[in-house]
Amino acid sequence: LLGSHIDSQPEGGWLDGALGVIAALEVARAAREAG
């Protein structure tokens, strides 16, 4: 299982949590493509 979160602070940055979720999604896609 890979991931993190995508909710933000009231004044938040674009990468906090979101990076981990989208990185997880890309690794999951690449892994499926690689078998």
PDB file of all heavy atoms in Angstrom:
ATOM      1  N   LEU A   1       0.842  -1.191   0.000  1.00  0.00           N
ATOM      2  CA  LEU A   1       0.000   0.000   0.000  1.00  0.00           C
ATOM      3  C   LEU A   1       0.882   1.247   0.000  1.00  0.00           C
ATOM      4  O   LEU A   1       1.794   1.375   0.823  1.00  0.00           O
ATOM      5  CB  LEU A   1      -0.907  -0.004   1.236  1.00  0.00           C
ATOM      6  CG  LEU A   1      -1.894   1.164   1.390  1.00  0.00           C
ATOM      7  CD1 LEU A   1      -2.929   1.149   0.263  1.00  0.00           C
ATOM      8  CD2 LEU A   1      -2.583   1.092   2.754  1.00  0.00           C
ATOM      9  N   LEU A   2       0.610   2.165  -0.921  1.00  0.00           N
ATOM     10  CA  LEU A   2       1.314   3.437  -1.003  1.00  0.00           C
ATOM     11  C   LEU A   2       0.297   4.567  -0.908  1.00  0.00           C
ATOM     12  O   LEU A   2      -0.857   4.400  -1.300  1.00  0.00           O
ATOM     13  CB  LEU A   2       2.067   3.573  -2.331  1.00  0.00           C
ATOM     14  CG  LEU A   2       2.985   2.436  -2.776  1.00  0.00           C
ATOM     15  CD1 LEU A   2       3.609   2.785  -4.135  1.00  0.00           C
ATOM     16  CD2 LEU A   2       4.068   2.165  -1.751  1.00  0.00           C
ATOM     17  N   GLY A   3       0.723   5.730  -0.419  1.00  0.00           N
ATOM     18  CA  GLY A   3      -0.183   6.867  -0.407  1.00  0.00           C
ATOM     19  C   GLY A   3       0.093   7.836   0.708  1.00  0.00           C
ATOM     20  O   GLY A   3       1.131   7.794   1.375  1.00  0.00           O
ATOM     21  N   SER A   4      -0.869   8.737   0.936  1.00  0.00           N
ATOM     22  CA  SER A   4      -0.760   9.772   1.958  1.00  0.00           C
ATOM     23  C   SER A   4      -2.143  10.412   2.100  1.00  0.00           C
ATOM     24  O   SER A   4      -3.109   9.727   2.397  1.00  0.00           O
ATOM     25  CB  SER A   4       0.325  10.790   1.573  1.00  0.00           C
ATOM     26  OG  SER A   4       0.599  11.679   2.626  1.00  0.00           O
ATOM     27  N   HIS A   5      -2.266  11.717   1.837  1.00  0.00           N
ATOM     28  CA  HIS A   5      -3.547  12.409   1.965  1.00  0.00           C
ATOM     29  C   HIS A   5      -3.580  13.565   0.967  1.00  0.00           C
ATOM     30  O   HIS A   5      -2.534  13.995   0.473  1.00  0.00           O
ATOM     31  CB  HIS A   5      -3.727  12.966   3.387  1.00  0.00           C
ATOM     32  CG  HIS A   5      -2.717  14.014   3.742  1.00  0.00           C
ATOM     33  ND1 HIS A   5      -2.965  15.374   3.614  1.00  0.00           N
ATOM     34  CD2 HIS A   5      -1.439  13.926   4.200  1.00  0.00           C
ATOM     35  CE1 HIS A   5      -1.892  16.054   3.993  1.00  0.00           C
ATOM     36  NE2 HIS A   5      -0.947  15.207   4.343  1.00  0.00           N
ATOM     37  N   ILE A   6      -4.786  14.100   0.684  1.00  0.00           N
ATOM     38  CA  ILE A   6      -4.873  15.240  -0.225  1.00  0.00           C
ATOM     39  C   ILE A   6      -5.585  16.435   0.405  1.00  0.00           C
ATOM     40  O   ILE A   6      -5.711  17.480  -0.243  1.00  0.00           O
ATOM     41  CB  ILE A   6      -5.551  14.884  -1.568  1.00  0.00           C
ATOM     42  CG1 ILE A   6      -7.009  14.466  -1.366  1.00  0.00           C
ATOM     43  CG2 ILE A   6      -4.755  13.804  -2.299  1.00  0.00           C
ATOM     44  CD1 ILE A   6      -7.786  14.359  -2.684  1.00  0.00           C
ATOM     45  N   ASP A   7      -6.067  16.318   1.639  1.00  0.00           N
ATOM     46  CA  ASP A   7      -6.642  17.491   2.303  1.00  0.00           C
ATOM     47  C   ASP A   7      -5.512  18.433   2.701  1.00  0.00           C
ATOM     48  O   ASP A   7      -4.360  18.014   2.850  1.00  0.00           O
ATOM     49  CB  ASP A   7      -7.470  17.087   3.518  1.00  0.00           C
ATOM     50  CG  ASP A   7      -6.652  16.387   4.589  1.00  0.00           C
ATOM     51  OD1 ASP A   7      -6.058  15.338   4.283  1.00  0.00           O
ATOM     52  OD2 ASP A   7      -6.590  16.887   5.736  1.00  0.00           O
ATOM     53  N   SER A   8      -5.847  19.714   2.869  1.00  0.00           N
ATOM     54  CA  SER A   8      -4.810  20.710   3.155  1.00  0.00           C
ATOM     55  C   SER A   8      -5.108  21.470   4.435  1.00  0.00           C
ATOM     56  O   SER A   8      -6.207  21.414   4.989  1.00  0.00           O
ATOM     57  CB  SER A   8      -4.705  21.720   1.998  1.00  0.00           C
ATOM     58  OG  SER A   8      -5.709  22.726   2.102  1.00  0.00           O
ATOM     59  N   GLN A   9      -4.107  22.224   4.871  1.00  0.00           N
ATOM     60  CA  GLN A   9      -4.298  23.198   5.933  1.00  0.00           C
ATOM     61  C   GLN A   9      -5.190  24.337   5.420  1.00  0.00           C
ATOM     62  O   GLN A   9      -5.396  24.468   4.209  1.00  0.00           O
ATOM     63  CB  GLN A   9      -2.943  23.760   6.366  1.00  0.00           C
ATOM     64  CG  GLN A   9      -2.083  22.789   7.158  1.00  0.00           C
ATOM     65  CD  GLN A   9      -2.596  22.584   8.572  1.00  0.00           C
ATOM     66  OE1 GLN A   9      -3.166  23.487   9.176  1.00  0.00           O
ATOM     67  NE2 GLN A   9      -2.391  21.392   9.107  1.00  0.00           N
ATOM     68  N   PRO A  10      -5.721  25.195   6.310  1.00  0.00           N
ATOM     69  CA  PRO A  10      -6.532  26.326   5.845  1.00  0.00           C
ATOM     70  C   PRO A  10      -5.799  27.214   4.842  1.00  0.00           C
ATOM     71  O   PRO A  10      -6.419  27.777   3.941  1.00  0.00           O
ATOM     72  CB  PRO A  10      -6.850  27.087   7.130  1.00  0.00           C
ATOM     73  CG  PRO A  10      -6.812  26.037   8.201  1.00  0.00           C
ATOM     74  CD  PRO A  10      -5.720  25.097   7.781  1.00  0.00           C
ATOM     75  N   GLU A  11      -4.486  27.354   5.005  1.00  0.00           N
ATOM     76  CA  GLU A  11      -3.628  27.968   3.993  1.00  0.00           C
ATOM     77  C   GLU A  11      -2.500  26.987   3.733  1.00  0.00           C
ATOM     78  O   GLU A  11      -1.503  26.964   4.443  1.00  0.00           O
ATOM     79  CB  GLU A  11      -3.084  29.322   4.458  1.00  0.00           C
ATOM     80  CG  GLU A  11      -4.147  30.397   4.582  1.00  0.00           C
ATOM     81  CD  GLU A  11      -3.563  31.778   4.822  1.00  0.00           C
ATOM     82  OE1 GLU A  11      -2.310  31.903   4.859  1.00  0.00           O
ATOM     83  OE2 GLU A  11      -4.345  32.725   4.982  1.00  0.00           O
ATOM     84  N   GLY A  12      -2.679  26.144   2.740  1.00  0.00           N
ATOM     85  CA  GLY A  12      -1.777  25.021   2.558  1.00  0.00           C
ATOM     86  C   GLY A  12      -0.953  25.072   1.295  1.00  0.00           C
ATOM     87  O   GLY A  12      -1.186  25.891   0.397  1.00  0.00           O
ATOM     88  N   GLY A  13       0.015  24.169   1.230  1.00  0.00           N
ATOM     89  CA  GLY A  13       0.849  24.019   0.048  1.00  0.00           C
ATOM     90  C   GLY A  13       0.303  22.941  -0.864  1.00  0.00           C
ATOM     91  O   GLY A  13      -0.542  22.134  -0.483  1.00  0.00           O
ATOM     92  N   TRP A  14       0.827  22.900  -2.082  1.00  0.00           N
ATOM     93  CA  TRP A  14       0.288  21.988  -3.097  1.00  0.00           C
ATOM     94  C   TRP A  14       0.846  20.577  -3.016  1.00  0.00           C
ATOM     95  O   TRP A  14       0.320  19.662  -3.660  1.00  0.00           O
ATOM     96  CB  TRP A  14       0.527  22.572  -4.483  1.00  0.00           C
ATOM     97  CG  TRP A  14       1.950  22.533  -5.004  1.00  0.00           C
ATOM     98  CD1 TRP A  14       3.030  23.159  -4.474  1.00  0.00           C
ATOM     99  CD2 TRP A  14       2.417  21.858  -6.180  1.00  0.00           C
ATOM    100  NE1 TRP A  14       4.156  22.923  -5.231  1.00  0.00           N
ATOM    101  CE2 TRP A  14       3.796  22.133  -6.291  1.00  0.00           C
ATOM    102  CE3 TRP A  14       1.815  21.072  -7.150  1.00  0.00           C
ATOM    103  CZ2 TRP A  14       4.579  21.633  -7.332  1.00  0.00           C
ATOM    104  CZ3 TRP A  14       2.587  20.569  -8.191  1.00  0.00           C
ATOM    105  CH2 TRP A  14       3.944  20.849  -8.280  1.00  0.00           C
ATOM    106  N   LEU A  15       1.903  20.381  -2.194  1.00  0.00           N
ATOM    107  CA  LEU A  15       2.582  19.093  -2.177  1.00  0.00           C
ATOM    108  C   LEU A  15       2.368  18.292  -0.891  1.00  0.00           C
ATOM    109  O   LEU A  15       2.555  17.070  -0.893  1.00  0.00           O
ATOM    110  CB  LEU A  15       4.091  19.298  -2.375  1.00  0.00           C
ATOM    111  CG  LEU A  15       4.495  19.879  -3.728  1.00  0.00           C
ATOM    112  CD1 LEU A  15       5.975  20.238  -3.725  1.00  0.00           C
ATOM    113  CD2 LEU A  15       4.179  18.903  -4.854  1.00  0.00           C
ATOM    114  N   ASP A  16       2.009  18.949   0.180  1.00  0.00           N
ATOM    115  CA  ASP A  16       1.835  18.289   1.469  1.00  0.00           C
ATOM    116  C   ASP A  16       0.780  17.197   1.349  1.00  0.00           C
ATOM    117  O   ASP A  16      -0.410  17.476   1.189  1.00  0.00           O
ATOM    118  CB  ASP A  16       1.418  19.340   2.508  1.00  0.00           C
ATOM    119  CG  ASP A  16       1.222  18.765   3.899  1.00  0.00           C
ATOM    120  OD1 ASP A  16       1.393  17.549   4.088  1.00  0.00           O
ATOM    121  OD2 ASP A  16       0.893  19.555   4.806  1.00  0.00           O
ATOM    122  N   GLY A  17       1.206  15.934   1.404  1.00  0.00           N
ATOM    123  CA  GLY A  17       0.288  14.814   1.262  1.00  0.00           C
ATOM    124  C   GLY A  17      -0.004  14.480  -0.180  1.00  0.00           C
ATOM    125  O   GLY A  17       0.101  13.318  -0.592  1.00  0.00           O
ATOM    126  N   ALA A  18      -0.363  15.483  -0.972  1.00  0.00           N
ATOM    127  CA  ALA A  18      -0.728  15.256  -2.370  1.00  0.00           C
ATOM    128  C   ALA A  18       0.390  14.562  -3.141  1.00  0.00           C
ATOM    129  O   ALA A  18       0.141  13.694  -3.990  1.00  0.00           O
ATOM    130  CB  ALA A  18      -1.080  16.585  -3.030  1.00  0.00           C
ATOM    131  N   LEU A  19       1.630  14.940  -2.849  1.00  0.00           N
ATOM    132  CA  LEU A  19       2.768  14.302  -3.521  1.00  0.00           C
ATOM    133  C   LEU A  19       2.749  12.795  -3.314  1.00  0.00           C
ATOM    134  O   LEU A  19       2.934  12.024  -4.264  1.00  0.00           O
ATOM    135  CB  LEU A  19       4.080  14.890  -2.991  1.00  0.00           C
ATOM    136  CG  LEU A  19       5.355  14.165  -3.430  1.00  0.00           C
ATOM    137  CD1 LEU A  19       5.526  14.216  -4.942  1.00  0.00           C
ATOM    138  CD2 LEU A  19       6.576  14.748  -2.731  1.00  0.00           C
ATOM    139  N   GLY A  20       2.540  12.367  -2.076  1.00  0.00           N
ATOM    140  CA  GLY A  20       2.563  10.936  -1.776  1.00  0.00           C
ATOM    141  C   GLY A  20       1.451  10.163  -2.458  1.00  0.00           C
ATOM    142  O   GLY A  20       1.635   9.005  -2.870  1.00  0.00           O
ATOM    143  N   VAL A  21       0.294  10.796  -2.614  1.00  0.00           N
ATOM    144  CA  VAL A  21      -0.839  10.123  -3.254  1.00  0.00           C
ATOM    145  C   VAL A  21      -0.610   9.988  -4.759  1.00  0.00           C
ATOM    146  O   VAL A  21      -0.815   8.912  -5.339  1.00  0.00           O
ATOM    147  CB  VAL A  21      -2.143  10.885  -2.972  1.00  0.00           C
ATOM    148  CG1 VAL A  21      -3.303  10.276  -3.770  1.00  0.00           C
ATOM    149  CG2 VAL A  21      -2.460  10.852  -1.477  1.00  0.00           C
ATOM    150  N   ILE A  22      -0.173  11.068  -5.402  1.00  0.00           N
ATOM    151  CA  ILE A  22       0.025  11.007  -6.852  1.00  0.00           C
ATOM    152  C   ILE A  22       1.244  10.154  -7.204  1.00  0.00           C
ATOM    153  O   ILE A  22       1.245   9.449  -8.225  1.00  0.00           O
ATOM    154  CB  ILE A  22       0.145  12.424  -7.436  1.00  0.00           C
ATOM    155  CG1 ILE A  22      -1.135  13.215  -7.144  1.00  0.00           C
ATOM    156  CG2 ILE A  22       0.390  12.358  -8.935  1.00  0.00           C
ATOM    157  CD1 ILE A  22      -2.414  12.570  -7.664  1.00  0.00           C
ATOM    158  N   ALA A  23       2.277  10.183  -6.365  1.00  0.00           N
ATOM    159  CA  ALA A  23       3.418   9.282  -6.582  1.00  0.00           C
ATOM    160  C   ALA A  23       2.964   7.831  -6.468  1.00  0.00           C
ATOM    161  O   ALA A  23       3.372   6.972  -7.264  1.00  0.00           O
ATOM    162  CB  ALA A  23       4.520   9.581  -5.573  1.00  0.00           C
ATOM    163  N   ALA A  24       2.118   7.544  -5.482  1.00  0.00           N
ATOM    164  CA  ALA A  24       1.588   6.187  -5.322  1.00  0.00           C
ATOM    165  C   ALA A  24       0.804   5.758  -6.554  1.00  0.00           C
ATOM    166  O   ALA A  24       0.929   4.622  -7.039  1.00  0.00           O
ATOM    167  CB  ALA A  24       0.707   6.133  -4.067  1.00  0.00           C
ATOM    168  N   LEU A  25      -0.028   6.668  -7.064  1.00  0.00           N
ATOM    169  CA  LEU A  25      -0.821   6.360  -8.250  1.00  0.00           C
ATOM    170  C   LEU A  25       0.074   6.053  -9.442  1.00  0.00           C
ATOM    171  O   LEU A  25      -0.175   5.092 -10.188  1.00  0.00           O
ATOM    172  CB  LEU A  25      -1.734   7.552  -8.566  1.00  0.00           C
ATOM    173  CG  LEU A  25      -2.606   7.437  -9.812  1.00  0.00           C
ATOM    174  CD1 LEU A  25      -3.579   6.272  -9.691  1.00  0.00           C
ATOM    175  CD2 LEU A  25      -3.369   8.748 -10.045  1.00  0.00           C
ATOM    176  N   GLU A  26       1.137   6.832  -9.634  1.00  0.00           N
ATOM    177  CA  GLU A  26       2.034   6.595 -10.764  1.00  0.00           C
ATOM    178  C   GLU A  26       2.777   5.267 -10.617  1.00  0.00           C
ATOM    179  O   GLU A  26       2.930   4.527 -11.594  1.00  0.00           O
ATOM    180  CB  GLU A  26       3.026   7.750 -10.914  1.00  0.00           C
ATOM    181  CG  GLU A  26       4.060   7.544 -12.024  1.00  0.00           C
ATOM    182  CD  GLU A  26       3.431   7.241 -13.383  1.00  0.00           C
ATOM    183  OE1 GLU A  26       2.321   7.749 -13.675  1.00  0.00           O
ATOM    184  OE2 GLU A  26       4.046   6.474 -14.155  1.00  0.00           O
ATOM    185  N   VAL A  27       3.231   4.951  -9.409  1.00  0.00           N
ATOM    186  CA  VAL A  27       3.917   3.669  -9.204  1.00  0.00           C
ATOM    187  C   VAL A  27       2.950   2.514  -9.439  1.00  0.00           C
ATOM    188  O   VAL A  27       3.314   1.492 -10.041  1.00  0.00           O
ATOM    189  CB  VAL A  27       4.538   3.594  -7.793  1.00  0.00           C
ATOM    190  CG1 VAL A  27       5.099   2.194  -7.520  1.00  0.00           C
ATOM    191  CG2 VAL A  27       5.647   4.638  -7.649  1.00  0.00           C
ATOM    192  N   ALA A  28       1.697   2.658  -9.003  1.00  0.00           N
ATOM    193  CA  ALA A  28       0.701   1.604  -9.231  1.00  0.00           C
ATOM    194  C   ALA A  28       0.463   1.394 -10.721  1.00  0.00           C
ATOM    195  O   ALA A  28       0.365   0.247 -11.197  1.00  0.00           O
ATOM    196  CB  ALA A  28      -0.602   1.959  -8.521  1.00  0.00           C
ATOM    197  N   ARG A  29       0.373   2.495 -11.478  1.00  0.00           N
ATOM    198  CA  ARG A  29       0.184   2.379 -12.930  1.00  0.00           C
ATOM    199  C   ARG A  29       1.390   1.720 -13.590  1.00  0.00           C
ATOM    200  O   ARG A  29       1.242   0.815 -14.429  1.00  0.00           O
ATOM    201  CB  ARG A  29      -0.041   3.768 -13.538  1.00  0.00           C
ATOM    202  CG  ARG A  29      -1.400   4.355 -13.266  1.00  0.00           C
ATOM    203  CD  ARG A  29      -1.631   5.664 -13.985  1.00  0.00           C
ATOM    204  NE  ARG A  29      -0.753   6.725 -13.541  1.00  0.00           N
ATOM    205  CZ  ARG A  29      -1.130   7.991 -13.384  1.00  0.00           C
ATOM    206  NH1 ARG A  29      -2.375   8.349 -13.639  1.00  0.00           N
ATOM    207  NH2 ARG A  29      -0.277   8.916 -12.992  1.00  0.00           N
ATOM    208  N   ALA A  30       2.581   2.192 -13.222  1.00  0.00           N
ATOM    209  CA  ALA A  30       3.792   1.634 -13.824  1.00  0.00           C
ATOM    210  C   ALA A  30       3.944   0.157 -13.488  1.00  0.00           C
ATOM    211  O   ALA A  30       4.378  -0.640 -14.334  1.00  0.00           O
ATOM    212  CB  ALA A  30       5.014   2.420 -13.336  1.00  0.00           C
ATOM    213  N   ALA A  31       3.596  -0.214 -12.267  1.00  0.00           N
ATOM    214  CA  ALA A  31       3.694  -1.613 -11.856  1.00  0.00           C
ATOM    215  C   ALA A  31       2.728  -2.482 -12.651  1.00  0.00           C
ATOM    216  O   ALA A  31       3.082  -3.595 -13.087  1.00  0.00           O
ATOM    217  CB  ALA A  31       3.436  -1.741 -10.364  1.00  0.00           C
ATOM    218  N   ARG A  32       1.512  -2.003 -12.873  1.00  0.00           N
ATOM    219  CA  ARG A  32       0.541  -2.772 -13.661  1.00  0.00           C
ATOM    220  C   ARG A  32       1.018  -2.908 -15.103  1.00  0.00           C
ATOM    221  O   ARG A  32       0.870  -3.973 -15.727  1.00  0.00           O
ATOM    222  CB  ARG A  32      -0.829  -2.109 -13.614  1.00  0.00           C
ATOM    223  CG  ARG A  32      -1.516  -2.215 -12.257  1.00  0.00           C
ATOM    224  CD  ARG A  32      -2.885  -1.570 -12.274  1.00  0.00           C
ATOM    225  NE  ARG A  32      -3.850  -2.358 -13.022  1.00  0.00           N
ATOM    226  CZ  ARG A  32      -4.541  -3.375 -12.522  1.00  0.00           C
ATOM    227  NH1 ARG A  32      -4.346  -3.771 -11.262  1.00  0.00           N
ATOM    228  NH2 ARG A  32      -5.400  -4.044 -13.258  1.00  0.00           N
ATOM    229  N   GLU A  33       1.595  -1.850 -15.630  1.00  0.00           N
ATOM    230  CA  GLU A  33       2.104  -1.891 -16.997  1.00  0.00           C
ATOM    231  C   GLU A  33       3.273  -2.849 -17.132  1.00  0.00           C
ATOM    232  O   GLU A  33       3.490  -3.432 -18.203  1.00  0.00           O
ATOM    233  CB  GLU A  33       2.512  -0.486 -17.437  1.00  0.00           C
ATOM    234  CG  GLU A  33       1.321   0.452 -17.610  1.00  0.00           C
ATOM    235  CD  GLU A  33       1.713   1.921 -17.668  1.00  0.00           C
ATOM    236  OE1 GLU A  33       2.924   2.225 -17.532  1.00  0.00           O
ATOM    237  OE2 GLU A  33       0.820   2.771 -17.838  1.00  0.00           O
ATOM    238  N   ALA A  34       4.024  -3.019 -16.029  1.00  0.00           N
ATOM    239  CA  ALA A  34       5.194  -3.912 -16.046  1.00  0.00           C
ATOM    240  C   ALA A  34       4.841  -5.341 -15.658  1.00  0.00           C
ATOM    241  O   ALA A  34       5.706  -6.216 -15.673  1.00  0.00           O
ATOM    242  CB  ALA A  34       6.261  -3.366 -15.095  1.00  0.00           C
ATOM    243  N   GLY A  35       3.589  -5.571 -15.273  1.00  0.00           N
ATOM    244  CA  GLY A  35       3.188  -6.916 -14.864  1.00  0.00           C
ATOM    245  C   GLY A  35       3.465  -7.214 -13.405  1.00  0.00           C
ATOM    246  O   GLY A  35       3.481  -8.379 -12.997  1.00  0.00           O
TER     247      GLY A  35
END
